[in-house]
Amino acid sequence: MCVRVRRHAAAIAFIGLIFLGLPTGMLGVAWPSMRASLDAPFAGLGLLVAAMAVAQFVASAASGLLRERLGTIALLLVAVAAAAGGLAIFAIATGWWATILASAVLGCGVGLLDADVNTEAALRGDIRVMGALHGAWAIGASLGPPLAGAMLVGSESWRPAYFVAAAAFAVLGVATYRVRSDLKDAPEFQASPTGARSIGRTVKLGCALMFVYVGIELGAGQ
């Protein structure tokens, strides 16, 4: 029973992080086609990245409160629905401003999903699980560009790639709902307490490093 529960929880977490990486790698490849089709400004990519980053920051900051009120499973489902919705809006957008809305909705879903999965990994796994999850995200980010490129070759449009990514998140949502009881029953990892002062310094340093890292990744990367 316990093994099955852990396997289901791990599968949802790893698949979720792979899917989470897809949009990060897709946008830069899809942007030329998107800009030409929607008559977007040359600097429009910066607006899309900014909208996604701001929404992701707000969603991540609010994830703790939402987790307490909704519960882990409900928050996962909301996050997956938002990510799928944002990708779907990208796929059907007929105007430039619709893609900014899509970026914000996608950012909310990505922020909630990222925070919720990492929180659960910290509570129910160990450092090896956390490292594997970030490796899973890297797989998704690596798959994003070839996915968008392959779809562009076949259709000369970014839309099919975003439809595929939206469908992937929809499947993830269905899978999460089906194994929700197992996810709730996954035991928490018991770790020894650490000094509050040491944790405070570590958190501040981690925030500073993430600020620089994410800026380089999303800005220069795209």
N, C-alpha and C. Protein backbone atom coordinates (compact mmCIF):
# COMPACT_ATOMS: atom_id res chain seq x y z
N MET A 1 0.83 -1.21 0.00
CA MET A 1 0.00 0.00 0.00
C MET A 1 0.86 1.25 0.00
N CYS A 2 1.83 1.30 0.94
CA CYS A 2 2.69 2.48 1.05
C CYS A 2 3.53 2.66 -0.21
N VAL A 3 4.02 1.55 -0.78
CA VAL A 3 4.83 1.62 -2.00
C VAL A 3 4.00 2.18 -3.15
N ARG A 4 2.76 1.70 -3.27
CA ARG A 4 1.89 2.17 -4.34
C ARG A 4 1.60 3.66 -4.20
N VAL A 5 1.34 4.08 -2.96
CA VAL A 5 1.05 5.49 -2.69
C VAL A 5 2.24 6.35 -3.10
N ARG A 6 3.44 5.92 -2.68
CA ARG A 6 4.63 6.71 -3.01
C ARG A 6 4.88 6.73 -4.52
N ARG A 7 4.62 5.64 -5.19
CA ARG A 7 4.83 5.60 -6.64
C ARG A 7 3.87 6.54 -7.36
N HIS A 8 2.62 6.55 -6.94
CA HIS A 8 1.65 7.45 -7.56
C HIS A 8 2.03 8.91 -7.32
N ALA A 9 2.40 9.22 -6.08
CA ALA A 9 2.79 10.59 -5.76
C ALA A 9 4.02 11.01 -6.55
N ALA A 10 5.01 10.12 -6.64
CA ALA A 10 6.23 10.44 -7.37
C ALA A 10 5.96 10.61 -8.86
N ALA A 11 5.11 9.75 -9.42
CA ALA A 11 4.79 9.83 -10.85
C ALA A 11 4.13 11.16 -11.18
N ILE A 12 3.15 11.56 -10.37
CA ILE A 12 2.47 12.84 -10.60
C ILE A 12 3.46 14.00 -10.50
N ALA A 13 4.34 13.95 -9.49
CA ALA A 13 5.31 15.03 -9.29
C ALA A 13 6.29 15.12 -10.46
N PHE A 14 6.85 13.99 -10.88
CA PHE A 14 7.84 14.02 -11.95
C PHE A 14 7.21 14.41 -13.29
N ILE A 15 6.05 13.85 -13.60
CA ILE A 15 5.38 14.20 -14.85
C ILE A 15 4.98 15.67 -14.83
N GLY A 16 4.49 16.14 -13.67
CA GLY A 16 4.13 17.55 -13.55
C GLY A 16 5.30 18.48 -13.80
N LEU A 17 6.48 18.14 -13.27
CA LEU A 17 7.66 18.99 -13.48
C LEU A 17 8.15 18.93 -14.93
N ILE A 18 8.02 17.79 -15.58
CA ILE A 18 8.37 17.71 -17.01
C ILE A 18 7.47 18.64 -17.82
N PHE A 19 6.16 18.54 -17.59
CA PHE A 19 5.21 19.40 -18.30
C PHE A 19 5.44 20.86 -17.95
N LEU A 20 5.84 21.12 -16.70
CA LEU A 20 6.09 22.48 -16.26
C LEU A 20 7.22 23.13 -17.07
N GLY A 21 8.18 22.33 -17.50
CA GLY A 21 9.29 22.88 -18.26
C GLY A 21 8.98 23.15 -19.71
N LEU A 22 7.93 22.54 -20.25
CA LEU A 22 7.61 22.68 -21.68
C LEU A 22 7.43 24.14 -22.11
N PRO A 23 6.56 24.93 -21.45
CA PRO A 23 6.33 26.30 -21.93
C PRO A 23 7.57 27.17 -21.91
N THR A 24 8.46 26.92 -20.96
CA THR A 24 9.69 27.72 -20.88
C THR A 24 10.51 27.59 -22.15
N GLY A 25 10.61 26.38 -22.69
CA GLY A 25 11.40 26.17 -23.89
C GLY A 25 10.67 26.47 -25.18
N MET A 26 9.34 26.56 -25.15
CA MET A 26 8.57 26.73 -26.38
C MET A 26 8.48 28.18 -26.85
N LEU A 27 8.39 29.11 -25.90
CA LEU A 27 8.06 30.49 -26.27
C LEU A 27 9.07 31.12 -27.22
N GLY A 28 10.36 30.97 -26.93
CA GLY A 28 11.37 31.60 -27.79
C GLY A 28 11.33 31.10 -29.22
N VAL A 29 11.06 29.80 -29.39
CA VAL A 29 10.99 29.21 -30.73
C VAL A 29 9.71 29.64 -31.44
N ALA A 30 8.60 29.72 -30.70
CA ALA A 30 7.32 30.05 -31.30
C ALA A 30 7.17 31.55 -31.58
N TRP A 31 7.95 32.39 -30.90
CA TRP A 31 7.75 33.83 -30.97
C TRP A 31 7.80 34.42 -32.38
N PRO A 32 8.75 34.10 -33.25
CA PRO A 32 8.75 34.72 -34.59
C PRO A 32 7.45 34.49 -35.34
N SER A 33 6.95 33.25 -35.32
CA SER A 33 5.68 32.96 -35.98
C SER A 33 4.52 33.69 -35.30
N MET A 34 4.54 33.72 -33.98
CA MET A 34 3.49 34.39 -33.22
C MET A 34 3.47 35.89 -33.52
N ARG A 35 4.64 36.49 -33.52
CA ARG A 35 4.72 37.94 -33.75
C ARG A 35 4.21 38.31 -35.13
N ALA A 36 4.61 37.54 -36.15
CA ALA A 36 4.19 37.83 -37.51
C ALA A 36 2.69 37.63 -37.69
N SER A 37 2.16 36.56 -37.11
CA SER A 37 0.75 36.24 -37.28
C SER A 37 -0.16 37.24 -36.58
N LEU A 38 0.24 37.69 -35.39
CA LEU A 38 -0.61 38.59 -34.59
C LEU A 38 -0.20 40.05 -34.72
N ASP A 39 0.76 40.34 -35.59
CA ASP A 39 1.25 41.71 -35.79
C ASP A 39 1.67 42.34 -34.48
N ALA A 40 2.42 41.59 -33.70
CA ALA A 40 2.87 42.05 -32.39
C ALA A 40 4.11 42.92 -32.53
N PRO A 41 4.37 43.81 -31.58
CA PRO A 41 5.59 44.64 -31.63
C PRO A 41 6.84 43.80 -31.44
N PHE A 42 7.97 44.30 -31.90
CA PHE A 42 9.23 43.57 -31.76
C PHE A 42 9.58 43.33 -30.30
N ALA A 43 9.22 44.29 -29.45
CA ALA A 43 9.52 44.17 -28.02
C ALA A 43 8.46 43.37 -27.28
N GLY A 44 7.52 42.78 -28.01
CA GLY A 44 6.41 42.09 -27.37
C GLY A 44 6.82 40.89 -26.55
N LEU A 45 7.91 40.23 -26.93
CA LEU A 45 8.35 39.06 -26.16
C LEU A 45 8.65 39.44 -24.73
N GLY A 46 9.21 40.63 -24.53
CA GLY A 46 9.49 41.09 -23.18
C GLY A 46 8.22 41.26 -22.37
N LEU A 47 7.14 41.72 -23.00
CA LEU A 47 5.87 41.87 -22.30
C LEU A 47 5.30 40.51 -21.90
N LEU A 48 5.43 39.54 -22.79
CA LEU A 48 4.93 38.20 -22.48
C LEU A 48 5.70 37.60 -21.30
N VAL A 49 7.01 37.72 -21.34
CA VAL A 49 7.84 37.17 -20.25
C VAL A 49 7.54 37.90 -18.94
N ALA A 50 7.37 39.23 -19.01
CA ALA A 50 7.07 40.00 -17.82
C ALA A 50 5.72 39.61 -17.22
N ALA A 51 4.70 39.47 -18.08
CA ALA A 51 3.37 39.09 -17.59
C ALA A 51 3.41 37.72 -16.91
N MET A 52 4.13 36.79 -17.51
CA MET A 52 4.24 35.46 -16.93
C MET A 52 5.02 35.49 -15.62
N ALA A 53 6.11 36.27 -15.59
CA ALA A 53 6.95 36.31 -14.40
C ALA A 53 6.22 36.95 -13.22
N VAL A 54 5.50 38.05 -13.46
CA VAL A 54 4.76 38.72 -12.38
C VAL A 54 3.67 37.81 -11.84
N ALA A 55 2.91 37.19 -12.76
CA ALA A 55 1.84 36.28 -12.32
C ALA A 55 2.40 35.09 -11.57
N GLN A 56 3.53 34.58 -12.03
CA GLN A 56 4.15 33.43 -11.36
C GLN A 56 4.63 33.81 -9.96
N PHE A 57 5.18 35.01 -9.82
CA PHE A 57 5.64 35.47 -8.51
C PHE A 57 4.47 35.59 -7.53
N VAL A 58 3.38 36.24 -7.99
CA VAL A 58 2.21 36.42 -7.12
C VAL A 58 1.61 35.08 -6.74
N ALA A 59 1.48 34.18 -7.72
CA ALA A 59 0.89 32.87 -7.45
C ALA A 59 1.75 32.07 -6.49
N SER A 60 3.06 32.10 -6.68
CA SER A 60 3.96 31.37 -5.79
C SER A 60 3.88 31.91 -4.37
N ALA A 61 3.82 33.25 -4.24
CA ALA A 61 3.76 33.86 -2.92
C ALA A 61 2.45 33.51 -2.21
N ALA A 62 1.38 33.34 -2.98
CA ALA A 62 0.07 33.04 -2.39
C ALA A 62 -0.17 31.54 -2.22
N SER A 63 0.73 30.72 -2.70
CA SER A 63 0.49 29.28 -2.72
C SER A 63 0.34 28.69 -1.32
N GLY A 64 1.10 29.21 -0.35
CA GLY A 64 1.01 28.68 1.01
C GLY A 64 -0.37 28.89 1.60
N LEU A 65 -0.88 30.12 1.45
CA LEU A 65 -2.22 30.43 1.96
C LEU A 65 -3.28 29.60 1.25
N LEU A 66 -3.17 29.48 -0.07
CA LEU A 66 -4.14 28.70 -0.84
C LEU A 66 -4.07 27.22 -0.47
N ARG A 67 -2.87 26.74 -0.19
CA ARG A 67 -2.72 25.33 0.19
C ARG A 67 -3.42 25.06 1.51
N GLU A 68 -3.31 26.00 2.46
CA GLU A 68 -3.98 25.82 3.74
C GLU A 68 -5.49 25.83 3.60
N ARG A 69 -6.02 26.65 2.69
CA ARG A 69 -7.47 26.80 2.56
C ARG A 69 -8.08 25.74 1.65
N LEU A 70 -7.39 25.41 0.56
CA LEU A 70 -7.96 24.48 -0.42
C LEU A 70 -7.50 23.05 -0.22
N GLY A 71 -6.31 22.88 0.33
CA GLY A 71 -5.72 21.56 0.41
C GLY A 71 -4.80 21.31 -0.77
N THR A 72 -3.91 20.36 -0.62
CA THR A 72 -2.90 20.10 -1.64
C THR A 72 -3.51 19.65 -2.96
N ILE A 73 -4.45 18.72 -2.92
CA ILE A 73 -5.00 18.17 -4.15
C ILE A 73 -5.77 19.22 -4.93
N ALA A 74 -6.63 19.97 -4.23
CA ALA A 74 -7.40 21.02 -4.90
C ALA A 74 -6.48 22.06 -5.53
N LEU A 75 -5.41 22.42 -4.81
CA LEU A 75 -4.47 23.40 -5.34
C LEU A 75 -3.76 22.85 -6.57
N LEU A 76 -3.38 21.58 -6.55
CA LEU A 76 -2.78 20.96 -7.72
C LEU A 76 -3.71 21.03 -8.92
N LEU A 77 -4.98 20.71 -8.70
CA LEU A 77 -5.94 20.71 -9.79
C LEU A 77 -6.17 22.12 -10.34
N VAL A 78 -6.23 23.11 -9.44
CA VAL A 78 -6.38 24.50 -9.88
C VAL A 78 -5.16 24.93 -10.69
N ALA A 79 -3.98 24.57 -10.22
CA ALA A 79 -2.75 24.93 -10.92
C ALA A 79 -2.69 24.31 -12.31
N VAL A 80 -3.01 23.04 -12.40
CA VAL A 80 -2.98 22.35 -13.69
C VAL A 80 -4.02 22.95 -14.64
N ALA A 81 -5.22 23.26 -14.11
CA ALA A 81 -6.26 23.86 -14.94
C ALA A 81 -5.83 25.23 -15.46
N ALA A 82 -5.18 26.03 -14.61
CA ALA A 82 -4.72 27.35 -15.04
C ALA A 82 -3.64 27.23 -16.11
N ALA A 83 -2.71 26.31 -15.91
CA ALA A 83 -1.65 26.12 -16.90
C ALA A 83 -2.23 25.66 -18.24
N ALA A 84 -3.15 24.70 -18.19
CA ALA A 84 -3.78 24.22 -19.42
C ALA A 84 -4.58 25.34 -20.08
N GLY A 85 -5.28 26.14 -19.25
CA GLY A 85 -6.06 27.24 -19.80
C GLY A 85 -5.19 28.30 -20.47
N GLY A 86 -4.07 28.65 -19.83
CA GLY A 86 -3.18 29.63 -20.43
C GLY A 86 -2.61 29.15 -21.75
N LEU A 87 -2.21 27.90 -21.81
CA LEU A 87 -1.68 27.34 -23.05
C LEU A 87 -2.76 27.29 -24.13
N ALA A 88 -3.99 26.97 -23.72
CA ALA A 88 -5.09 26.92 -24.69
C ALA A 88 -5.40 28.32 -25.24
N ILE A 89 -5.34 29.34 -24.38
CA ILE A 89 -5.56 30.71 -24.86
C ILE A 89 -4.49 31.10 -25.87
N PHE A 90 -3.24 30.71 -25.60
CA PHE A 90 -2.17 30.92 -26.57
C PHE A 90 -2.54 30.29 -27.92
N ALA A 91 -3.05 29.07 -27.86
CA ALA A 91 -3.32 28.31 -29.08
C ALA A 91 -4.44 28.91 -29.92
N ILE A 92 -5.42 29.56 -29.27
CA ILE A 92 -6.58 30.08 -30.02
C ILE A 92 -6.56 31.60 -30.14
N ALA A 93 -5.51 32.25 -29.62
CA ALA A 93 -5.47 33.71 -29.62
C ALA A 93 -5.55 34.26 -31.04
N THR A 94 -6.40 35.28 -31.21
CA THR A 94 -6.52 35.94 -32.51
C THR A 94 -6.02 37.38 -32.45
N GLY A 95 -5.66 37.84 -31.27
CA GLY A 95 -5.14 39.20 -31.11
C GLY A 95 -3.93 39.21 -30.21
N TRP A 96 -3.12 40.24 -30.34
CA TRP A 96 -1.88 40.34 -29.60
C TRP A 96 -2.12 40.38 -28.10
N TRP A 97 -3.13 41.14 -27.65
CA TRP A 97 -3.35 41.28 -26.21
C TRP A 97 -3.83 39.99 -25.58
N ALA A 98 -4.42 39.12 -26.38
CA ALA A 98 -4.86 37.83 -25.83
C ALA A 98 -3.67 37.00 -25.36
N THR A 99 -2.54 37.15 -26.03
CA THR A 99 -1.36 36.38 -25.63
C THR A 99 -0.78 36.88 -24.31
N ILE A 100 -0.96 38.17 -24.02
CA ILE A 100 -0.53 38.69 -22.73
C ILE A 100 -1.39 38.10 -21.62
N LEU A 101 -2.70 38.03 -21.87
CA LEU A 101 -3.60 37.37 -20.92
C LEU A 101 -3.20 35.90 -20.76
N ALA A 102 -2.90 35.25 -21.86
CA ALA A 102 -2.48 33.84 -21.81
C ALA A 102 -1.23 33.68 -20.97
N SER A 103 -0.27 34.59 -21.12
CA SER A 103 0.96 34.52 -20.33
C SER A 103 0.68 34.65 -18.84
N ALA A 104 -0.23 35.58 -18.49
CA ALA A 104 -0.55 35.78 -17.08
C ALA A 104 -1.24 34.55 -16.49
N VAL A 105 -2.20 33.99 -17.23
CA VAL A 105 -2.91 32.80 -16.74
C VAL A 105 -1.94 31.62 -16.63
N LEU A 106 -1.10 31.45 -17.64
CA LEU A 106 -0.10 30.38 -17.60
C LEU A 106 0.86 30.58 -16.43
N GLY A 107 1.27 31.83 -16.20
CA GLY A 107 2.17 32.12 -15.08
C GLY A 107 1.55 31.75 -13.74
N CYS A 108 0.26 32.03 -13.58
CA CYS A 108 -0.42 31.64 -12.34
C CYS A 108 -0.39 30.12 -12.15
N GLY A 109 -0.70 29.40 -13.22
CA GLY A 109 -0.69 27.94 -13.11
C GLY A 109 0.69 27.39 -12.84
N VAL A 110 1.68 27.91 -13.54
CA VAL A 110 3.06 27.45 -13.35
C VAL A 110 3.55 27.76 -11.94
N GLY A 111 3.25 28.98 -11.46
CA GLY A 111 3.69 29.36 -10.12
C GLY A 111 3.08 28.49 -9.03
N LEU A 112 1.78 28.24 -9.14
CA LEU A 112 1.10 27.40 -8.14
C LEU A 112 1.60 25.96 -8.20
N LEU A 113 1.74 25.43 -9.41
CA LEU A 113 2.17 24.04 -9.56
C LEU A 113 3.59 23.85 -9.06
N ASP A 114 4.47 24.76 -9.43
CA ASP A 114 5.87 24.67 -9.01
C ASP A 114 5.98 24.71 -7.49
N ALA A 115 5.30 25.68 -6.87
CA ALA A 115 5.38 25.82 -5.41
C ALA A 115 4.76 24.63 -4.71
N ASP A 116 3.61 24.17 -5.19
CA ASP A 116 2.92 23.07 -4.52
C ASP A 116 3.71 21.77 -4.61
N VAL A 117 4.24 21.46 -5.79
CA VAL A 117 5.01 20.23 -5.95
C VAL A 117 6.28 20.27 -5.12
N ASN A 118 6.96 21.40 -5.12
CA ASN A 118 8.19 21.51 -4.34
C ASN A 118 7.91 21.44 -2.84
N THR A 119 6.78 22.01 -2.40
CA THR A 119 6.40 21.91 -0.99
C THR A 119 6.16 20.47 -0.60
N GLU A 120 5.41 19.75 -1.43
CA GLU A 120 5.13 18.35 -1.13
C GLU A 120 6.41 17.52 -1.15
N ALA A 121 7.32 17.83 -2.08
CA ALA A 121 8.58 17.10 -2.13
C ALA A 121 9.39 17.33 -0.86
N ALA A 122 9.36 18.57 -0.34
CA ALA A 122 10.09 18.87 0.89
C ALA A 122 9.47 18.18 2.09
N LEU A 123 8.15 18.04 2.10
CA LEU A 123 7.46 17.44 3.24
C LEU A 123 7.47 15.91 3.19
N ARG A 124 7.44 15.36 1.99
CA ARG A 124 7.22 13.91 1.87
C ARG A 124 8.40 13.16 1.25
N GLY A 125 9.44 13.90 0.82
CA GLY A 125 10.58 13.24 0.20
C GLY A 125 11.87 13.59 0.91
N ASP A 126 12.95 13.64 0.16
CA ASP A 126 14.23 14.04 0.72
C ASP A 126 14.99 14.81 -0.36
N ILE A 127 16.25 15.09 -0.11
CA ILE A 127 17.02 15.93 -1.02
C ILE A 127 17.19 15.28 -2.38
N ARG A 128 17.23 13.95 -2.41
CA ARG A 128 17.35 13.27 -3.70
C ARG A 128 16.10 13.45 -4.54
N VAL A 129 14.95 13.42 -3.89
CA VAL A 129 13.69 13.65 -4.61
C VAL A 129 13.66 15.06 -5.19
N MET A 130 14.07 16.04 -4.41
CA MET A 130 14.08 17.42 -4.88
C MET A 130 15.01 17.58 -6.09
N GLY A 131 16.18 16.98 -6.04
CA GLY A 131 17.09 17.04 -7.17
C GLY A 131 16.52 16.37 -8.41
N ALA A 132 15.87 15.23 -8.22
CA ALA A 132 15.26 14.53 -9.35
C ALA A 132 14.13 15.34 -9.97
N LEU A 133 13.37 16.05 -9.14
CA LEU A 133 12.28 16.89 -9.65
C LEU A 133 12.82 18.02 -10.53
N HIS A 134 13.89 18.64 -10.10
CA HIS A 134 14.47 19.70 -10.92
C HIS A 134 15.09 19.14 -12.20
N GLY A 135 15.59 17.91 -12.13
CA GLY A 135 16.04 17.26 -13.35
C GLY A 135 14.89 17.00 -14.29
N ALA A 136 13.72 16.65 -13.74
CA ALA A 136 12.53 16.43 -14.57
C ALA A 136 12.12 17.72 -15.26
N TRP A 137 12.19 18.84 -14.53
CA TRP A 137 11.88 20.13 -15.15
C TRP A 137 12.83 20.42 -16.32
N ALA A 138 14.09 20.10 -16.14
CA ALA A 138 15.07 20.32 -17.20
C ALA A 138 14.75 19.49 -18.43
N ILE A 139 14.23 18.28 -18.22
CA ILE A 139 13.82 17.45 -19.36
C ILE A 139 12.71 18.15 -20.14
N GLY A 140 11.71 18.67 -19.40
CA GLY A 140 10.62 19.37 -20.07
C GLY A 140 11.10 20.60 -20.81
N ALA A 141 11.97 21.38 -20.19
CA ALA A 141 12.50 22.58 -20.84
C ALA A 141 13.30 22.23 -22.09
N SER A 142 13.96 21.07 -22.07
CA SER A 142 14.72 20.62 -23.24
C SER A 142 13.81 20.11 -24.35
N LEU A 143 12.65 19.57 -23.97
CA LEU A 143 11.71 19.06 -24.96
C LEU A 143 10.89 20.17 -25.60
N GLY A 144 10.76 21.32 -24.92
CA GLY A 144 9.95 22.41 -25.44
C GLY A 144 10.38 22.92 -26.80
N PRO A 145 11.66 23.27 -27.00
CA PRO A 145 12.08 23.78 -28.31
C PRO A 145 11.88 22.80 -29.47
N PRO A 146 12.28 21.52 -29.35
CA PRO A 146 12.02 20.62 -30.47
C PRO A 146 10.53 20.39 -30.73
N LEU A 147 9.71 20.42 -29.66
CA LEU A 147 8.27 20.27 -29.86
C LEU A 147 7.73 21.44 -30.68
N ALA A 148 8.06 22.67 -30.27
CA ALA A 148 7.60 23.84 -31.01
C ALA A 148 8.18 23.85 -32.42
N GLY A 149 9.47 23.48 -32.55
CA GLY A 149 10.10 23.47 -33.88
C GLY A 149 9.46 22.46 -34.81
N ALA A 150 9.16 21.26 -34.31
CA ALA A 150 8.55 20.23 -35.14
C ALA A 150 7.17 20.66 -35.61
N MET A 151 6.40 21.28 -34.73
CA MET A 151 5.07 21.74 -35.11
C MET A 151 5.15 22.88 -36.12
N LEU A 152 6.14 23.75 -35.97
CA LEU A 152 6.31 24.85 -36.91
C LEU A 152 6.67 24.34 -38.31
N VAL A 153 7.49 23.30 -38.36
CA VAL A 153 7.87 22.73 -39.65
C VAL A 153 6.65 22.17 -40.38
N GLY A 154 5.77 21.53 -39.62
CA GLY A 154 4.61 20.91 -40.25
C GLY A 154 3.49 21.88 -40.60
N SER A 155 3.31 22.94 -39.77
CA SER A 155 2.16 23.81 -39.97
C SER A 155 2.51 25.28 -40.13
N GLU A 156 3.77 25.65 -39.89
CA GLU A 156 4.22 27.04 -39.92
C GLU A 156 3.44 27.91 -38.94
N SER A 157 2.97 27.31 -37.85
CA SER A 157 2.22 28.04 -36.84
C SER A 157 2.62 27.52 -35.47
N TRP A 158 2.56 28.42 -34.49
CA TRP A 158 2.86 28.02 -33.12
C TRP A 158 1.69 27.31 -32.46
N ARG A 159 0.51 27.41 -33.02
CA ARG A 159 -0.71 26.94 -32.36
C ARG A 159 -0.71 25.44 -32.04
N PRO A 160 -0.33 24.55 -32.97
CA PRO A 160 -0.36 23.12 -32.64
C PRO A 160 0.49 22.76 -31.43
N ALA A 161 1.65 23.39 -31.28
CA ALA A 161 2.52 23.08 -30.14
C ALA A 161 1.84 23.44 -28.83
N TYR A 162 1.15 24.57 -28.80
CA TYR A 162 0.46 24.97 -27.58
C TYR A 162 -0.78 24.12 -27.32
N PHE A 163 -1.43 23.65 -28.38
CA PHE A 163 -2.53 22.71 -28.19
C PHE A 163 -2.02 21.42 -27.54
N VAL A 164 -0.88 20.92 -28.01
CA VAL A 164 -0.30 19.69 -27.47
C VAL A 164 0.06 19.88 -26.00
N ALA A 165 0.70 21.01 -25.68
CA ALA A 165 1.08 21.27 -24.29
C ALA A 165 -0.15 21.41 -23.40
N ALA A 166 -1.20 22.08 -23.90
CA ALA A 166 -2.43 22.21 -23.12
C ALA A 166 -3.06 20.84 -22.87
N ALA A 167 -3.05 20.00 -23.90
CA ALA A 167 -3.59 18.65 -23.74
C ALA A 167 -2.79 17.84 -22.73
N ALA A 168 -1.48 18.03 -22.71
CA ALA A 168 -0.64 17.32 -21.75
C ALA A 168 -1.02 17.69 -20.32
N PHE A 169 -1.24 18.98 -20.08
CA PHE A 169 -1.64 19.40 -18.74
C PHE A 169 -3.04 18.90 -18.39
N ALA A 170 -3.92 18.84 -19.39
CA ALA A 170 -5.26 18.31 -19.13
C ALA A 170 -5.19 16.84 -18.71
N VAL A 171 -4.34 16.06 -19.38
CA VAL A 171 -4.16 14.66 -19.01
C VAL A 171 -3.59 14.56 -17.61
N LEU A 172 -2.65 15.44 -17.28
CA LEU A 172 -2.08 15.45 -15.93
C LEU A 172 -3.16 15.73 -14.88
N GLY A 173 -4.07 16.65 -15.20
CA GLY A 173 -5.15 16.96 -14.28
C GLY A 173 -6.05 15.77 -14.03
N VAL A 174 -6.38 15.05 -15.09
CA VAL A 174 -7.22 13.85 -14.96
C VAL A 174 -6.50 12.79 -14.13
N ALA A 175 -5.20 12.60 -14.38
CA ALA A 175 -4.43 11.60 -13.64
C ALA A 175 -4.34 11.98 -12.16
N THR A 176 -4.14 13.26 -11.89
CA THR A 176 -4.06 13.73 -10.50
C THR A 176 -5.38 13.47 -9.77
N TYR A 177 -6.48 13.74 -10.43
CA TYR A 177 -7.78 13.52 -9.81
C TYR A 177 -8.03 12.04 -9.53
N ARG A 178 -7.61 11.19 -10.44
CA ARG A 178 -7.86 9.76 -10.28
C ARG A 178 -7.08 9.15 -9.12
N VAL A 179 -5.89 9.68 -8.83
CA VAL A 179 -5.08 9.11 -7.74
C VAL A 179 -5.05 10.04 -6.53
N ARG A 180 -6.07 10.91 -6.42
CA ARG A 180 -6.08 11.92 -5.35
C ARG A 180 -6.03 11.29 -3.96
N SER A 181 -6.69 10.15 -3.79
CA SER A 181 -6.69 9.52 -2.46
C SER A 181 -5.30 9.04 -2.09
N ASP A 182 -4.54 8.51 -3.06
CA ASP A 182 -3.17 8.07 -2.78
C ASP A 182 -2.26 9.26 -2.46
N LEU A 183 -2.48 10.37 -3.18
CA LEU A 183 -1.65 11.54 -2.93
C LEU A 183 -1.88 12.08 -1.52
N LYS A 184 -3.11 12.02 -1.06
CA LYS A 184 -3.40 12.49 0.29
C LYS A 184 -2.76 11.60 1.35
N ASP A 185 -2.63 10.30 1.04
CA ASP A 185 -2.13 9.34 2.03
C ASP A 185 -0.62 9.23 2.06
N ALA A 186 0.08 9.92 1.15
CA ALA A 186 1.54 9.82 1.13
C ALA A 186 2.11 10.36 2.44
N PRO A 187 2.96 9.58 3.13
CA PRO A 187 3.48 10.02 4.44
C PRO A 187 4.47 11.16 4.30
N GLU A 188 4.51 12.00 5.33
CA GLU A 188 5.46 13.10 5.33
C GLU A 188 6.82 12.62 5.80
N PHE A 189 7.86 13.26 5.29
CA PHE A 189 9.24 12.93 5.65
C PHE A 189 9.58 13.59 6.98
N GLN A 190 10.10 12.83 7.89
CA GLN A 190 10.45 13.35 9.19
C GLN A 190 11.91 13.80 9.21
N ALA A 191 12.12 15.10 9.34
CA ALA A 191 13.48 15.64 9.36
C ALA A 191 13.74 16.31 10.70
N SER A 192 14.99 16.29 11.12
CA SER A 192 15.34 16.94 12.37
C SER A 192 15.30 18.45 12.20
N PRO A 193 14.87 19.20 13.21
CA PRO A 193 14.77 20.66 13.10
C PRO A 193 16.14 21.31 12.95
N THR A 194 16.14 22.47 12.28
CA THR A 194 17.37 23.22 12.08
C THR A 194 17.21 24.59 12.74
N GLY A 195 18.32 25.20 13.13
CA GLY A 195 18.26 26.49 13.80
C GLY A 195 17.59 27.55 12.94
N ALA A 196 16.73 28.36 13.53
CA ALA A 196 15.96 29.36 12.79
C ALA A 196 16.89 30.40 12.16
N ARG A 197 17.94 30.78 12.86
CA ARG A 197 18.83 31.81 12.33
C ARG A 197 19.53 31.30 11.07
N SER A 198 19.99 30.06 11.08
CA SER A 198 20.64 29.48 9.91
C SER A 198 19.68 29.39 8.73
N ILE A 199 18.43 28.99 9.02
CA ILE A 199 17.44 28.90 7.97
C ILE A 199 17.18 30.28 7.37
N GLY A 200 17.11 31.31 8.21
CA GLY A 200 16.86 32.65 7.71
C GLY A 200 17.92 33.11 6.73
N ARG A 201 19.19 32.90 7.05
CA ARG A 201 20.27 33.29 6.15
C ARG A 201 20.22 32.47 4.86
N THR A 202 19.91 31.19 5.00
CA THR A 202 19.84 30.33 3.81
C THR A 202 18.72 30.77 2.88
N VAL A 203 17.57 31.10 3.45
CA VAL A 203 16.44 31.55 2.63
C VAL A 203 16.77 32.84 1.90
N LYS A 204 17.39 33.79 2.59
CA LYS A 204 17.75 35.07 1.95
C LYS A 204 18.74 34.85 0.81
N LEU A 205 19.74 34.02 1.05
CA LEU A 205 20.72 33.74 0.00
C LEU A 205 20.05 33.02 -1.16
N GLY A 206 19.16 32.08 -0.85
CA GLY A 206 18.45 31.35 -1.90
C GLY A 206 17.58 32.27 -2.74
N CYS A 207 16.90 33.22 -2.11
CA CYS A 207 16.07 34.18 -2.84
C CYS A 207 16.93 35.05 -3.78
N ALA A 208 18.08 35.48 -3.28
CA ALA A 208 18.96 36.31 -4.11
C ALA A 208 19.47 35.53 -5.32
N LEU A 209 19.87 34.28 -5.08
CA LEU A 209 20.36 33.46 -6.19
C LEU A 209 19.25 33.17 -7.20
N MET A 210 18.04 32.89 -6.72
CA MET A 210 16.93 32.64 -7.62
C MET A 210 16.58 33.87 -8.44
N PHE A 211 16.69 35.06 -7.84
CA PHE A 211 16.41 36.31 -8.54
C PHE A 211 17.33 36.45 -9.76
N VAL A 212 18.62 36.21 -9.54
CA VAL A 212 19.58 36.32 -10.63
C VAL A 212 19.41 35.19 -11.64
N TYR A 213 19.25 33.98 -11.13
CA TYR A 213 19.15 32.80 -12.01
C TYR A 213 17.95 32.86 -12.93
N VAL A 214 16.77 33.18 -12.35
CA VAL A 214 15.55 33.21 -13.17
C VAL A 214 15.60 34.36 -14.16
N GLY A 215 16.19 35.48 -13.76
CA GLY A 215 16.31 36.60 -14.70
C GLY A 215 17.15 36.22 -15.92
N ILE A 216 18.27 35.54 -15.67
CA ILE A 216 19.11 35.09 -16.79
C ILE A 216 18.39 34.06 -17.63
N GLU A 217 17.73 33.12 -16.97
CA GLU A 217 17.06 32.03 -17.67
C GLU A 217 15.95 32.53 -18.59
N LEU A 218 15.04 33.35 -18.03
CA LEU A 218 13.88 33.78 -18.80
C LEU A 218 14.22 34.94 -19.73
N GLY A 219 15.10 35.83 -19.29
CA GLY A 219 15.43 36.98 -20.13
C GLY A 219 16.34 36.62 -21.28
N ALA A 220 17.59 36.32 -20.95
CA ALA A 220 18.57 35.97 -21.99
C ALA A 220 18.21 34.66 -22.68
N GLY A 221 17.62 33.73 -21.91
CA GLY A 221 17.29 32.42 -22.48
C GLY A 221 16.32 32.53 -23.64
N GLN A 222 15.22 33.29 -23.46
CA GLN A 222 14.25 33.42 -24.54
C GLN A 222 14.86 34.21 -25.69
